[in-house]
């Protein structure tokens, strides 16, 4: 059962990364978000190279993380945070 779950999760993550909803041309923002992520995750996870943030092309105020450490932050959440900052 564990292998089935792992295969399903890997397939879903692959789909998330290749479905056209991840910004691939906004490297500066992705680096910035990853720096923030590294500041807020527990110290024991900071050396884990699989943890990475991706900017997701969805206007909703949302974010989610996969079991293997891929963090997807919706562009709507970033916009909302920026609007509240000003």
C-alpha atoms as a PDB file:
ATOM      1  CA  UNK A   1       0.000   0.000   0.000  1.00  0.00           C
ATOM      2  CA  UNK A   2       2.884   2.362   0.770  1.00  0.00           C
ATOM      3  CA  UNK A   3       4.308   1.905  -2.716  1.00  0.00           C
ATOM      4  CA  UNK A   4       0.962   2.637  -4.308  1.00  0.00           C
ATOM      5  CA  UNK A   5       0.686   5.850  -2.282  1.00  0.00           C
ATOM      6  CA  UNK A   6       4.247   6.878  -3.169  1.00  0.00           C
ATOM      7  CA  UNK A   7       3.622   6.263  -6.875  1.00  0.00           C
ATOM      8  CA  UNK A   8       0.375   8.231  -6.786  1.00  0.00           C
ATOM      9  CA  UNK A   9       1.972  11.169  -4.966  1.00  0.00           C
ATOM     10  CA  UNK A  10       4.930  11.200  -7.378  1.00  0.00           C
ATOM     11  CA  UNK A  11       2.544  11.236 -10.325  1.00  0.00           C
ATOM     12  CA  UNK A  12       0.487  14.073  -8.865  1.00  0.00           C
ATOM     13  CA  UNK A  13       3.603  16.153  -8.136  1.00  0.00           C
ATOM     14  CA  UNK A  14       4.864  15.562 -11.649  1.00  0.00           C
ATOM     15  CA  UNK A  15       1.517  16.757 -12.997  1.00  0.00           C
ATOM     16  CA  UNK A  16       1.618  19.857 -10.784  1.00  0.00           C
ATOM     17  CA  UNK A  17       5.066  20.767 -12.073  1.00  0.00           C
ATOM     18  CA  UNK A  18       4.261  20.192 -15.742  1.00  0.00           C
ATOM     19  CA  UNK A  19       0.609  21.260 -16.089  1.00  0.00           C
ATOM     20  CA  UNK A  20       1.511  24.821 -17.064  1.00  0.00           C
ATOM     21  CA  UNK A  21       0.401  26.371 -13.769  1.00  0.00           C
ATOM     22  CA  UNK A  22       3.890  26.849 -12.317  1.00  0.00           C
ATOM     23  CA  UNK A  23       5.742  30.014 -13.240  1.00  0.00           C
ATOM     24  CA  UNK A  24       8.999  28.874 -14.829  1.00  0.00           C
ATOM     25  CA  UNK A  25      10.175  32.323 -15.857  1.00  0.00           C
ATOM     26  CA  UNK A  26       9.945  34.178 -12.546  1.00  0.00           C
ATOM     27  CA  UNK A  27      13.165  32.941 -10.986  1.00  0.00           C
ATOM     28  CA  UNK A  28      13.821  36.027  -8.806  1.00  0.00           C
ATOM     29  CA  UNK A  29      10.433  35.704  -7.099  1.00  0.00           C
ATOM     30  CA  UNK A  30      10.903  31.956  -6.633  1.00  0.00           C
ATOM     31  CA  UNK A  31      14.310  32.537  -5.006  1.00  0.00           C
ATOM     32  CA  UNK A  32      12.779  35.165  -2.721  1.00  0.00           C
ATOM     33  CA  UNK A  33       9.911  32.859  -1.669  1.00  0.00           C
ATOM     34  CA  UNK A  34      12.365  30.014  -1.043  1.00  0.00           C
ATOM     35  CA  UNK A  35      14.426  32.279   1.233  1.00  0.00           C
ATOM     36  CA  UNK A  36      11.302  33.041   3.246  1.00  0.00           C
ATOM     37  CA  UNK A  37      10.384  29.355   3.353  1.00  0.00           C
ATOM     38  CA  UNK A  38      13.827  28.476   4.711  1.00  0.00           C
ATOM     39  CA  UNK A  39      13.384  31.050   7.477  1.00  0.00           C
ATOM     40  CA  UNK A  40      10.094  29.579   8.696  1.00  0.00           C
ATOM     41  CA  UNK A  41      10.543  25.809   8.401  1.00  0.00           C
ATOM     42  CA  UNK A  42      11.952  23.841  11.354  1.00  0.00           C
ATOM     43  CA  UNK A  43      15.753  23.750  11.566  1.00  0.00           C
ATOM     44  CA  UNK A  44      15.889  19.988  11.039  1.00  0.00           C
ATOM     45  CA  UNK A  45      14.283  20.406   7.594  1.00  0.00           C
ATOM     46  CA  UNK A  46      16.520  23.215   6.323  1.00  0.00           C
ATOM     47  CA  UNK A  47      19.136  20.848   4.889  1.00  0.00           C
ATOM     48  CA  UNK A  48      16.505  18.866   2.953  1.00  0.00           C
ATOM     49  CA  UNK A  49      17.155  19.694  -0.701  1.00  0.00           C
ATOM     50  CA  UNK A  50      13.738  18.432  -1.817  1.00  0.00           C
ATOM     51  CA  UNK A  51      11.913  21.261  -0.049  1.00  0.00           C
ATOM     52  CA  UNK A  52      11.262  23.955  -2.625  1.00  0.00           C
ATOM     53  CA  UNK A  53       8.678  26.662  -3.227  1.00  0.00           C
ATOM     54  CA  UNK A  54       6.954  27.170  -6.555  1.00  0.00           C
ATOM     55  CA  UNK A  55       4.731  30.056  -7.620  1.00  0.00           C
ATOM     56  CA  UNK A  56       1.406  28.650  -8.817  1.00  0.00           C
ATOM     57  CA  UNK A  57      -0.707  30.470 -11.433  1.00  0.00           C
ATOM     58  CA  UNK A  58      -3.916  30.530  -9.429  1.00  0.00           C
ATOM     59  CA  UNK A  59      -5.610  33.716  -8.273  1.00  0.00           C
ATOM     60  CA  UNK A  60      -6.934  32.245  -5.041  1.00  0.00           C
ATOM     61  CA  UNK A  61      -5.473  33.111  -1.658  1.00  0.00           C
ATOM     62  CA  UNK A  62      -4.041  29.683  -0.975  1.00  0.00           C
ATOM     63  CA  UNK A  63      -0.921  27.546  -0.693  1.00  0.00           C
ATOM     64  CA  UNK A  64      -0.210  23.872  -0.162  1.00  0.00           C
ATOM     65  CA  UNK A  65       2.698  21.537   0.375  1.00  0.00           C
ATOM     66  CA  UNK A  66       3.102  18.003  -0.909  1.00  0.00           C
ATOM     67  CA  UNK A  67       4.211  15.179   1.406  1.00  0.00           C
ATOM     68  CA  UNK A  68       7.651  15.243  -0.216  1.00  0.00           C
ATOM     69  CA  UNK A  69       8.252  18.956   0.346  1.00  0.00           C
ATOM     70  CA  UNK A  70       7.176  20.854  -2.749  1.00  0.00           C
ATOM     71  CA  UNK A  71       5.478  24.045  -1.593  1.00  0.00           C
ATOM     72  CA  UNK A  72       3.040  25.676  -4.030  1.00  0.00           C
ATOM     73  CA  UNK A  73       2.037  29.242  -3.243  1.00  0.00           C
ATOM     74  CA  UNK A  74      -0.771  30.688  -5.310  1.00  0.00           C
ATOM     75  CA  UNK A  75      -0.006  34.025  -6.950  1.00  0.00           C
ATOM     76  CA  UNK A  76      -3.252  35.318  -5.429  1.00  0.00           C
ATOM     77  CA  UNK A  77      -1.811  34.844  -1.948  1.00  0.00           C
ATOM     78  CA  UNK A  78       1.263  36.868  -2.865  1.00  0.00           C
ATOM     79  CA  UNK A  79      -0.860  39.633  -4.378  1.00  0.00           C
ATOM     80  CA  UNK A  80      -3.096  39.684  -1.305  1.00  0.00           C
ATOM     81  CA  UNK A  81      -0.075  39.919   1.007  1.00  0.00           C
ATOM     82  CA  UNK A  82       1.403  42.755  -1.049  1.00  0.00           C
ATOM     83  CA  UNK A  83      -1.885  44.667  -1.070  1.00  0.00           C
ATOM     84  CA  UNK A  84      -2.173  44.436   2.727  1.00  0.00           C
ATOM     85  CA  UNK A  85       1.394  45.610   3.125  1.00  0.00           C
ATOM     86  CA  UNK A  86       0.726  48.958   1.443  1.00  0.00           C
END
